[in-house]
Amino acid sequence: TGYLHKGLTQAAFSDLIKEAVRPDDKVVVIFGGMNDTG
């Protein structure tokens, strides 16, 4: 998965953000980006 590249489950980071990020989160860590190479 990357910001643009869809990973093994056909999800990009935005899709994962929709799954995991909640209004009461104090910190959101995005770790990656290498899969967008090319």
ModelCIF file with pLDDT and N, C-alpha, C, O atoms, coordinates in Angstrom:
data_MODEL
#
_entry.id   MODEL 
#
_entity.id                         1 
_entity.type                       polymer 
_entity.pdbx_number_of_molecules   1 
#
_entity_poly.entity_id                      1 
_entity_poly.type                           'polypeptide(L)' 
_entity_poly.nstd_linkage                   no 
_entity_poly.nstd_monomer                   no 
_entity_poly.pdbx_seq_one_letter_code       TGYLHKGLTQAAFSDLIKEAVRPDDKVVVIFGGMNDTG 
_entity_poly.pdbx_seq_one_letter_code_can   TGYLHKGLTQAAFSDLIKEAVRPDDKVVVIFGGMNDTG 
_entity_poly.pdbx_strand_id                 A 
#
loop_
_entity_poly_seq.entity_id 
_entity_poly_seq.num 
_entity_poly_seq.mon_id 
_entity_poly_seq.hetero 
1 1  THR n 
1 2  GLY n 
1 3  TYR n 
1 4  LEU n 
1 5  HIS n 
1 6  LYS n 
1 7  GLY n 
1 8  LEU n 
1 9  THR n 
1 10 GLN n 
1 11 ALA n 
1 12 ALA n 
1 13 PHE n 
1 14 SER n 
1 15 ASP n 
1 16 LEU n 
1 17 ILE n 
1 18 LYS n 
1 19 GLU n 
1 20 ALA n 
1 21 VAL n 
1 22 ARG n 
1 23 PRO n 
1 24 ASP n 
1 25 ASP n 
1 26 LYS n 
1 27 VAL n 
1 28 VAL n 
1 29 VAL n 
1 30 ILE n 
1 31 PHE n 
1 32 GLY n 
1 33 GLY n 
1 34 MET n 
1 35 ASN n 
1 36 ASP n 
1 37 THR n 
1 38 GLY n 
#
_struct_asym.id          A 
_struct_asym.entity_id   1 
#
loop_
_ma_qa_metric.id 
_ma_qa_metric.mode 
_ma_qa_metric.name 
_ma_qa_metric.software_group_id 
_ma_qa_metric.type 
1 global pLDDT . pLDDT 
2 local  pLDDT . pLDDT 
#
_ma_qa_metric_global.metric_id      1 
_ma_qa_metric_global.metric_value   93.50 
_ma_qa_metric_global.model_id       1 
_ma_qa_metric_global.ordinal_id     1 
#
loop_
_ma_qa_metric_local.label_asym_id 
_ma_qa_metric_local.label_comp_id 
_ma_qa_metric_local.label_seq_id 
_ma_qa_metric_local.metric_id 
_ma_qa_metric_local.metric_value 
_ma_qa_metric_local.model_id 
_ma_qa_metric_local.ordinal_id 
A THR 1  2 93.00 1 1  
A GLY 2  2 95.00 1 2  
A TYR 3  2 97.00 1 3  
A LEU 4  2 95.00 1 4  
A HIS 5  2 94.00 1 5  
A LYS 6  2 94.00 1 6  
A GLY 7  2 85.00 1 7  
A LEU 8  2 87.00 1 8  
A THR 9  2 91.00 1 9  
A GLN 10 2 93.00 1 10 
A ALA 11 2 93.00 1 11 
A ALA 12 2 96.00 1 12 
A PHE 13 2 96.00 1 13 
A SER 14 2 97.00 1 14 
A ASP 15 2 96.00 1 15 
A LEU 16 2 96.00 1 16 
A ILE 17 2 97.00 1 17 
A LYS 18 2 96.00 1 18 
A GLU 19 2 92.00 1 19 
A ALA 20 2 94.00 1 20 
A VAL 21 2 96.00 1 21 
A ARG 22 2 95.00 1 22 
A PRO 23 2 96.00 1 23 
A ASP 24 2 93.00 1 24 
A ASP 25 2 93.00 1 25 
A LYS 26 2 92.00 1 26 
A VAL 27 2 92.00 1 27 
A VAL 28 2 96.00 1 28 
A VAL 29 2 94.00 1 29 
A ILE 30 2 96.00 1 30 
A PHE 31 2 93.00 1 31 
A GLY 32 2 92.00 1 32 
A GLY 33 2 91.00 1 33 
A MET 34 2 90.00 1 34 
A ASN 35 2 92.00 1 35 
A ASP 36 2 94.00 1 36 
A THR 37 2 91.00 1 37 
A GLY 38 2 90.00 1 38 
#
loop_
_atom_site.group_PDB 
_atom_site.id 
_atom_site.type_symbol 
_atom_site.label_atom_id 
_atom_site.label_alt_id 
_atom_site.label_comp_id 
_atom_site.label_asym_id 
_atom_site.label_entity_id 
_atom_site.label_seq_id 
_atom_site.pdbx_PDB_ins_code 
_atom_site.Cartn_x 
_atom_site.Cartn_y 
_atom_site.Cartn_z 
_atom_site.occupancy 
_atom_site.B_iso_or_equiv 
_atom_site.pdbx_formal_charge 
_atom_site.auth_seq_id 
_atom_site.auth_comp_id 
_atom_site.auth_asym_id 
_atom_site.auth_atom_id 
_atom_site.pdbx_PDB_model_num 
ATOM 1   N N  . THR A 1 1  ? 0.821   -1.205 0.000   1.00 93.00 ? 1  THR A N  1 
ATOM 2   C CA . THR A 1 1  ? 0.000   0.000  0.000   1.00 93.00 ? 1  THR A CA 1 
ATOM 3   C C  . THR A 1 1  ? 0.855   1.255  0.000   1.00 93.00 ? 1  THR A C  1 
ATOM 4   O O  . THR A 1 1  ? 1.929   1.290  0.599   1.00 93.00 ? 1  THR A O  1 
ATOM 5   N N  . GLY A 1 2  ? 0.368   2.278  -0.675  1.00 95.00 ? 2  GLY A N  1 
ATOM 6   C CA . GLY A 1 2  ? 0.997   3.590  -0.682  1.00 95.00 ? 2  GLY A CA 1 
ATOM 7   C C  . GLY A 1 2  ? -0.072  4.660  -0.689  1.00 95.00 ? 2  GLY A C  1 
ATOM 8   O O  . GLY A 1 2  ? -1.256  4.372  -0.511  1.00 95.00 ? 2  GLY A O  1 
ATOM 9   N N  . TYR A 1 3  ? 0.347   5.890  -0.894  1.00 97.00 ? 3  TYR A N  1 
ATOM 10  C CA . TYR A 1 3  ? -0.624  6.979  -0.996  1.00 97.00 ? 3  TYR A CA 1 
ATOM 11  C C  . TYR A 1 3  ? -1.491  6.802  -2.239  1.00 97.00 ? 3  TYR A C  1 
ATOM 12  O O  . TYR A 1 3  ? -2.694  7.061  -2.212  1.00 97.00 ? 3  TYR A O  1 
ATOM 13  N N  . LEU A 1 4  ? -0.873  6.363  -3.317  1.00 95.00 ? 4  LEU A N  1 
ATOM 14  C CA . LEU A 1 4  ? -1.588  6.160  -4.576  1.00 95.00 ? 4  LEU A CA 1 
ATOM 15  C C  . LEU A 1 4  ? -1.706  4.673  -4.914  1.00 95.00 ? 4  LEU A C  1 
ATOM 16  O O  . LEU A 1 4  ? -2.755  4.207  -5.359  1.00 95.00 ? 4  LEU A O  1 
ATOM 17  N N  . HIS A 1 5  ? -0.628  3.947  -4.700  1.00 94.00 ? 5  HIS A N  1 
ATOM 18  C CA . HIS A 1 5  ? -0.586  2.532  -5.066  1.00 94.00 ? 5  HIS A CA 1 
ATOM 19  C C  . HIS A 1 5  ? -1.476  1.703  -4.148  1.00 94.00 ? 5  HIS A C  1 
ATOM 20  O O  . HIS A 1 5  ? -1.379  1.790  -2.924  1.00 94.00 ? 5  HIS A O  1 
ATOM 21  N N  . LYS A 1 6  ? -2.330  0.910  -4.747  1.00 94.00 ? 6  LYS A N  1 
ATOM 22  C CA . LYS A 1 6  ? -3.214  0.048  -3.968  1.00 94.00 ? 6  LYS A CA 1 
ATOM 23  C C  . LYS A 1 6  ? -2.473  -1.240 -3.637  1.00 94.00 ? 6  LYS A C  1 
ATOM 24  O O  . LYS A 1 6  ? -1.860  -1.860 -4.506  1.00 94.00 ? 6  LYS A O  1 
ATOM 25  N N  . GLY A 1 7  ? -2.536  -1.626 -2.390  1.00 85.00 ? 7  GLY A N  1 
ATOM 26  C CA . GLY A 1 7  ? -1.797  -2.777 -1.902  1.00 85.00 ? 7  GLY A CA 1 
ATOM 27  C C  . GLY A 1 7  ? -2.477  -4.095 -2.174  1.00 85.00 ? 7  GLY A C  1 
ATOM 28  O O  . GLY A 1 7  ? -3.324  -4.208 -3.061  1.00 85.00 ? 7  GLY A O  1 
ATOM 29  N N  . LEU A 1 8  ? -2.097  -5.085 -1.403  1.00 87.00 ? 8  LEU A N  1 
ATOM 30  C CA . LEU A 1 8  ? -2.566  -6.460 -1.598  1.00 87.00 ? 8  LEU A CA 1 
ATOM 31  C C  . LEU A 1 8  ? -4.077  -6.598 -1.481  1.00 87.00 ? 8  LEU A C  1 
ATOM 32  O O  . LEU A 1 8  ? -4.657  -7.520 -2.056  1.00 87.00 ? 8  LEU A O  1 
ATOM 33  N N  . THR A 1 9  ? -4.724  -5.700 -0.747  1.00 91.00 ? 9  THR A N  1 
ATOM 34  C CA . THR A 1 9  ? -6.184  -5.759 -0.607  1.00 91.00 ? 9  THR A CA 1 
ATOM 35  C C  . THR A 1 9  ? -6.869  -4.678 -1.440  1.00 91.00 ? 9  THR A C  1 
ATOM 36  O O  . THR A 1 9  ? -8.036  -4.354 -1.216  1.00 91.00 ? 9  THR A O  1 
ATOM 37  N N  . GLN A 1 10 ? -6.134  -4.126 -2.399  1.00 93.00 ? 10 GLN A N  1 
ATOM 38  C CA . GLN A 1 10 ? -6.652  -3.072 -3.274  1.00 93.00 ? 10 GLN A CA 1 
ATOM 39  C C  . GLN A 1 10 ? -7.052  -1.823 -2.497  1.00 93.00 ? 10 GLN A C  1 
ATOM 40  O O  . GLN A 1 10 ? -8.033  -1.160 -2.831  1.00 93.00 ? 10 GLN A O  1 
ATOM 41  N N  . ALA A 1 11 ? -6.276  -1.509 -1.452  1.00 93.00 ? 11 ALA A N  1 
ATOM 42  C CA . ALA A 1 11 ? -6.509  -0.319 -0.645  1.00 93.00 ? 11 ALA A CA 1 
ATOM 43  C C  . ALA A 1 11 ? -5.283  0.580  -0.702  1.00 93.00 ? 11 ALA A C  1 
ATOM 44  O O  . ALA A 1 11 ? -4.149  0.102  -0.687  1.00 93.00 ? 11 ALA A O  1 
ATOM 45  N N  . ALA A 1 12 ? -5.519  1.881  -0.767  1.00 96.00 ? 12 ALA A N  1 
ATOM 46  C CA . ALA A 1 12 ? -4.455  2.876  -0.646  1.00 96.00 ? 12 ALA A CA 1 
ATOM 47  C C  . ALA A 1 12 ? -4.522  3.454  0.766   1.00 96.00 ? 12 ALA A C  1 
ATOM 48  O O  . ALA A 1 12 ? -5.434  3.123  1.524   1.00 96.00 ? 12 ALA A O  1 
ATOM 49  N N  . PHE A 1 13 ? -3.563  4.318  1.130   1.00 96.00 ? 13 PHE A N  1 
ATOM 50  C CA . PHE A 1 13 ? -3.547  4.878  2.478   1.00 96.00 ? 13 PHE A CA 1 
ATOM 51  C C  . PHE A 1 13 ? -4.867  5.565  2.832   1.00 96.00 ? 13 PHE A C  1 
ATOM 52  O O  . PHE A 1 13 ? -5.321  5.463  3.971   1.00 96.00 ? 13 PHE A O  1 
ATOM 53  N N  . SER A 1 14 ? -5.485  6.256  1.886   1.00 97.00 ? 14 SER A N  1 
ATOM 54  C CA . SER A 1 14 ? -6.760  6.934  2.185   1.00 97.00 ? 14 SER A CA 1 
ATOM 55  C C  . SER A 1 14 ? -7.830  5.935  2.604   1.00 97.00 ? 14 SER A C  1 
ATOM 56  O O  . SER A 1 14 ? -8.641  6.229  3.482   1.00 97.00 ? 14 SER A O  1 
ATOM 57  N N  . ASP A 1 15 ? -7.840  4.762  1.988   1.00 96.00 ? 15 ASP A N  1 
ATOM 58  C CA . ASP A 1 15 ? -8.801  3.724  2.386   1.00 96.00 ? 15 ASP A CA 1 
ATOM 59  C C  . ASP A 1 15 ? -8.521  3.248  3.804   1.00 96.00 ? 15 ASP A C  1 
ATOM 60  O O  . ASP A 1 15 ? -9.448  3.023  4.582   1.00 96.00 ? 15 ASP A O  1 
ATOM 61  N N  . LEU A 1 16 ? -7.238  3.096  4.142   1.00 96.00 ? 16 LEU A N  1 
ATOM 62  C CA . LEU A 1 16 ? -6.866  2.661  5.486   1.00 96.00 ? 16 LEU A CA 1 
ATOM 63  C C  . LEU A 1 16 ? -7.181  3.738  6.523   1.00 96.00 ? 16 LEU A C  1 
ATOM 64  O O  . LEU A 1 16 ? -7.566  3.431  7.651   1.00 96.00 ? 16 LEU A O  1 
ATOM 65  N N  . ILE A 1 17 ? -7.016  4.999  6.133   1.00 97.00 ? 17 ILE A N  1 
ATOM 66  C CA . ILE A 1 17 ? -7.358  6.109  7.026   1.00 97.00 ? 17 ILE A CA 1 
ATOM 67  C C  . ILE A 1 17 ? -8.846  6.056  7.363   1.00 97.00 ? 17 ILE A C  1 
ATOM 68  O O  . ILE A 1 17 ? -9.233  6.270  8.511   1.00 97.00 ? 17 ILE A O  1 
ATOM 69  N N  . LYS A 1 18 ? -9.671  5.774  6.370   1.00 96.00 ? 18 LYS A N  1 
ATOM 70  C CA . LYS A 1 18 ? -11.124 5.685  6.603   1.00 96.00 ? 18 LYS A CA 1 
ATOM 71  C C  . LYS A 1 18 ? -11.452 4.563  7.586   1.00 96.00 ? 18 LYS A C  1 
ATOM 72  O O  . LYS A 1 18 ? -12.412 4.678  8.349   1.00 96.00 ? 18 LYS A O  1 
ATOM 73  N N  . GLU A 1 19 ? -10.674 3.481  7.581   1.00 92.00 ? 19 GLU A N  1 
ATOM 74  C CA . GLU A 1 19 ? -10.892 2.359  8.495   1.00 92.00 ? 19 GLU A CA 1 
ATOM 75  C C  . GLU A 1 19 ? -10.444 2.657  9.919   1.00 92.00 ? 19 GLU A C  1 
ATOM 76  O O  . GLU A 1 19 ? -11.111 2.259  10.874  1.00 92.00 ? 19 GLU A O  1 
ATOM 77  N N  . ALA A 1 20 ? -9.330  3.347  10.069  1.00 94.00 ? 20 ALA A N  1 
ATOM 78  C CA . ALA A 1 20 ? -8.667  3.392  11.369  1.00 94.00 ? 20 ALA A CA 1 
ATOM 79  C C  . ALA A 1 20 ? -8.762  4.713  12.119  1.00 94.00 ? 20 ALA A C  1 
ATOM 80  O O  . ALA A 1 20 ? -8.771  4.711  13.350  1.00 94.00 ? 20 ALA A O  1 
ATOM 81  N N  . VAL A 1 21 ? -8.831  5.824  11.426  1.00 96.00 ? 21 VAL A N  1 
ATOM 82  C CA . VAL A 1 21 ? -8.754  7.129  12.093  1.00 96.00 ? 21 VAL A CA 1 
ATOM 83  C C  . VAL A 1 21 ? -10.119 7.511  12.657  1.00 96.00 ? 21 VAL A C  1 
ATOM 84  O O  . VAL A 1 21 ? -11.133 7.468  11.959  1.00 96.00 ? 21 VAL A O  1 
ATOM 85  N N  . ARG A 1 22 ? -10.122 7.887  13.936  1.00 95.00 ? 22 ARG A N  1 
ATOM 86  C CA . ARG A 1 22 ? -11.346 8.245  14.657  1.00 95.00 ? 22 ARG A CA 1 
ATOM 87  C C  . ARG A 1 22 ? -11.256 9.678  15.182  1.00 95.00 ? 22 ARG A C  1 
ATOM 88  O O  . ARG A 1 22 ? -10.156 10.199 15.364  1.00 95.00 ? 22 ARG A O  1 
ATOM 89  N N  . PRO A 1 23 ? -12.394 10.317 15.427  1.00 96.00 ? 23 PRO A N  1 
ATOM 90  C CA . PRO A 1 23 ? -12.393 11.715 15.875  1.00 96.00 ? 23 PRO A CA 1 
ATOM 91  C C  . PRO A 1 23 ? -11.601 11.979 17.157  1.00 96.00 ? 23 PRO A C  1 
ATOM 92  O O  . PRO A 1 23 ? -11.076 13.079 17.331  1.00 96.00 ? 23 PRO A O  1 
ATOM 93  N N  . ASP A 1 24 ? -11.504 11.004 18.050  1.00 93.00 ? 24 ASP A N  1 
ATOM 94  C CA . ASP A 1 24 ? -10.794 11.236 19.307  1.00 93.00 ? 24 ASP A CA 1 
ATOM 95  C C  . ASP A 1 24 ? -9.312  10.890 19.248  1.00 93.00 ? 24 ASP A C  1 
ATOM 96  O O  . ASP A 1 24 ? -8.629  10.968 20.269  1.00 93.00 ? 24 ASP A O  1 
ATOM 97  N N  . ASP A 1 25 ? -8.795  10.509 18.084  1.00 93.00 ? 25 ASP A N  1 
ATOM 98  C CA . ASP A 1 25 ? -7.367  10.220 17.962  1.00 93.00 ? 25 ASP A CA 1 
ATOM 99  C C  . ASP A 1 25 ? -6.558  11.457 18.311  1.00 93.00 ? 25 ASP A C  1 
ATOM 100 O O  . ASP A 1 25 ? -6.887  12.574 17.913  1.00 93.00 ? 25 ASP A O  1 
ATOM 101 N N  . LYS A 1 26 ? -5.493  11.228 19.063  1.00 92.00 ? 26 LYS A N  1 
ATOM 102 C CA . LYS A 1 26 ? -4.578  12.320 19.422  1.00 92.00 ? 26 LYS A CA 1 
ATOM 103 C C  . LYS A 1 26 ? -3.395  12.390 18.466  1.00 92.00 ? 26 LYS A C  1 
ATOM 104 O O  . LYS A 1 26 ? -2.826  13.458 18.239  1.00 92.00 ? 26 LYS A O  1 
ATOM 105 N N  . VAL A 1 27 ? -3.032  11.233 17.906  1.00 92.00 ? 27 VAL A N  1 
ATOM 106 C CA . VAL A 1 27 ? -1.915  11.158 16.981  1.00 92.00 ? 27 VAL A CA 1 
ATOM 107 C C  . VAL A 1 27 ? -2.291  10.204 15.855  1.00 92.00 ? 27 VAL A C  1 
ATOM 108 O O  . VAL A 1 27 ? -2.881  9.149  16.087  1.00 92.00 ? 27 VAL A O  1 
ATOM 109 N N  . VAL A 1 28 ? -1.939  10.591 14.637  1.00 96.00 ? 28 VAL A N  1 
ATOM 110 C CA . VAL A 1 28 ? -2.063  9.708  13.486  1.00 96.00 ? 28 VAL A CA 1 
ATOM 111 C C  . VAL A 1 28 ? -0.672  9.626  12.856  1.00 96.00 ? 28 VAL A C  1 
ATOM 112 O O  . VAL A 1 28 ? -0.071  10.639 12.500  1.00 96.00 ? 28 VAL A O  1 
ATOM 113 N N  . VAL A 1 29 ? -0.180  8.393  12.731  1.00 94.00 ? 29 VAL A N  1 
ATOM 114 C CA . VAL A 1 29 ? 1.128   8.154  12.125  1.00 94.00 ? 29 VAL A CA 1 
ATOM 115 C C  . VAL A 1 29 ? 0.903   7.505  10.766  1.00 94.00 ? 29 VAL A C  1 
ATOM 116 O O  . VAL A 1 29 ? 0.210   6.492  10.666  1.00 94.00 ? 29 VAL A O  1 
ATOM 117 N N  . ILE A 1 30 ? 1.482   8.081  9.728   1.00 96.00 ? 30 ILE A N  1 
ATOM 118 C CA . ILE A 1 30 ? 1.492   7.450  8.404   1.00 96.00 ? 30 ILE A CA 1 
ATOM 119 C C  . ILE A 1 30 ? 2.936   7.064  8.129   1.00 96.00 ? 30 ILE A C  1 
ATOM 120 O O  . ILE A 1 30 ? 3.824   7.915  8.081   1.00 96.00 ? 30 ILE A O  1 
ATOM 121 N N  . PHE A 1 31 ? 3.154   5.768  7.948   1.00 93.00 ? 31 PHE A N  1 
ATOM 122 C CA . PHE A 1 31 ? 4.501   5.233  7.785   1.00 93.00 ? 31 PHE A CA 1 
ATOM 123 C C  . PHE A 1 31 ? 4.557   4.512  6.449   1.00 93.00 ? 31 PHE A C  1 
ATOM 124 O O  . PHE A 1 31 ? 4.016   3.416  6.312   1.00 93.00 ? 31 PHE A O  1 
ATOM 125 N N  . GLY A 1 32 ? 5.204   5.114  5.469   1.00 92.00 ? 32 GLY A N  1 
ATOM 126 C CA . GLY A 1 32 ? 5.314   4.448  4.172   1.00 92.00 ? 32 GLY A CA 1 
ATOM 127 C C  . GLY A 1 32 ? 5.513   5.421  3.034   1.00 92.00 ? 32 GLY A C  1 
ATOM 128 O O  . GLY A 1 32 ? 5.899   6.573  3.233   1.00 92.00 ? 32 GLY A O  1 
ATOM 129 N N  . GLY A 1 33 ? 5.246   4.941  1.855   1.00 91.00 ? 33 GLY A N  1 
ATOM 130 C CA . GLY A 1 33 ? 5.377   5.742  0.650   1.00 91.00 ? 33 GLY A CA 1 
ATOM 131 C C  . GLY A 1 33 ? 6.256   5.108  -0.403  1.00 91.00 ? 33 GLY A C  1 
ATOM 132 O O  . GLY A 1 33 ? 6.215   5.498  -1.569  1.00 91.00 ? 33 GLY A O  1 
ATOM 133 N N  . MET A 1 34 ? 7.057   4.126  0.002   1.00 90.00 ? 34 MET A N  1 
ATOM 134 C CA . MET A 1 34 ? 7.961   3.481  -0.941  1.00 90.00 ? 34 MET A CA 1 
ATOM 135 C C  . MET A 1 34 ? 7.205   2.784  -2.077  1.00 90.00 ? 34 MET A C  1 
ATOM 136 O O  . MET A 1 34 ? 7.714   2.682  -3.193  1.00 90.00 ? 34 MET A O  1 
ATOM 137 N N  . ASN A 1 35 ? 6.003   2.312  -1.793  1.00 92.00 ? 35 ASN A N  1 
ATOM 138 C CA . ASN A 1 35 ? 5.251   1.576  -2.814  1.00 92.00 ? 35 ASN A CA 1 
ATOM 139 C C  . ASN A 1 35 ? 4.706   2.468  -3.925  1.00 92.00 ? 35 ASN A C  1 
ATOM 140 O O  . ASN A 1 35 ? 4.162   1.971  -4.912  1.00 92.00 ? 35 ASN A O  1 
ATOM 141 N N  . ASP A 1 36 ? 4.849   3.780  -3.770  1.00 94.00 ? 36 ASP A N  1 
ATOM 142 C CA . ASP A 1 36 ? 4.428   4.700  -4.828  1.00 94.00 ? 36 ASP A CA 1 
ATOM 143 C C  . ASP A 1 36 ? 5.539   4.951  -5.844  1.00 94.00 ? 36 ASP A C  1 
ATOM 144 O O  . ASP A 1 36 ? 5.348   5.714  -6.791  1.00 94.00 ? 36 ASP A O  1 
ATOM 145 N N  . THR A 1 37 ? 6.691   4.323  -5.660  1.00 91.00 ? 37 THR A N  1 
ATOM 146 C CA . THR A 1 37 ? 7.791   4.459  -6.604  1.00 91.00 ? 37 THR A CA 1 
ATOM 147 C C  . THR A 1 37 ? 7.315   4.033  -7.984  1.00 91.00 ? 37 THR A C  1 
ATOM 148 O O  . THR A 1 37 ? 6.722   2.966  -8.143  1.00 91.00 ? 37 THR A O  1 
ATOM 149 N N  . GLY A 1 38 ? 7.574   4.860  -8.965  1.00 90.00 ? 38 GLY A N  1 
ATOM 150 C CA . GLY A 1 38 ? 7.170   4.548  -10.333 1.00 90.00 ? 38 GLY A CA 1 
ATOM 151 C C  . GLY A 1 38 ? 5.820   5.121  -10.719 1.00 90.00 ? 38 GLY A C  1 
ATOM 152 O O  . GLY A 1 38 ? 5.366   4.928  -11.847 1.00 90.00 ? 38 GLY A O  1 
#
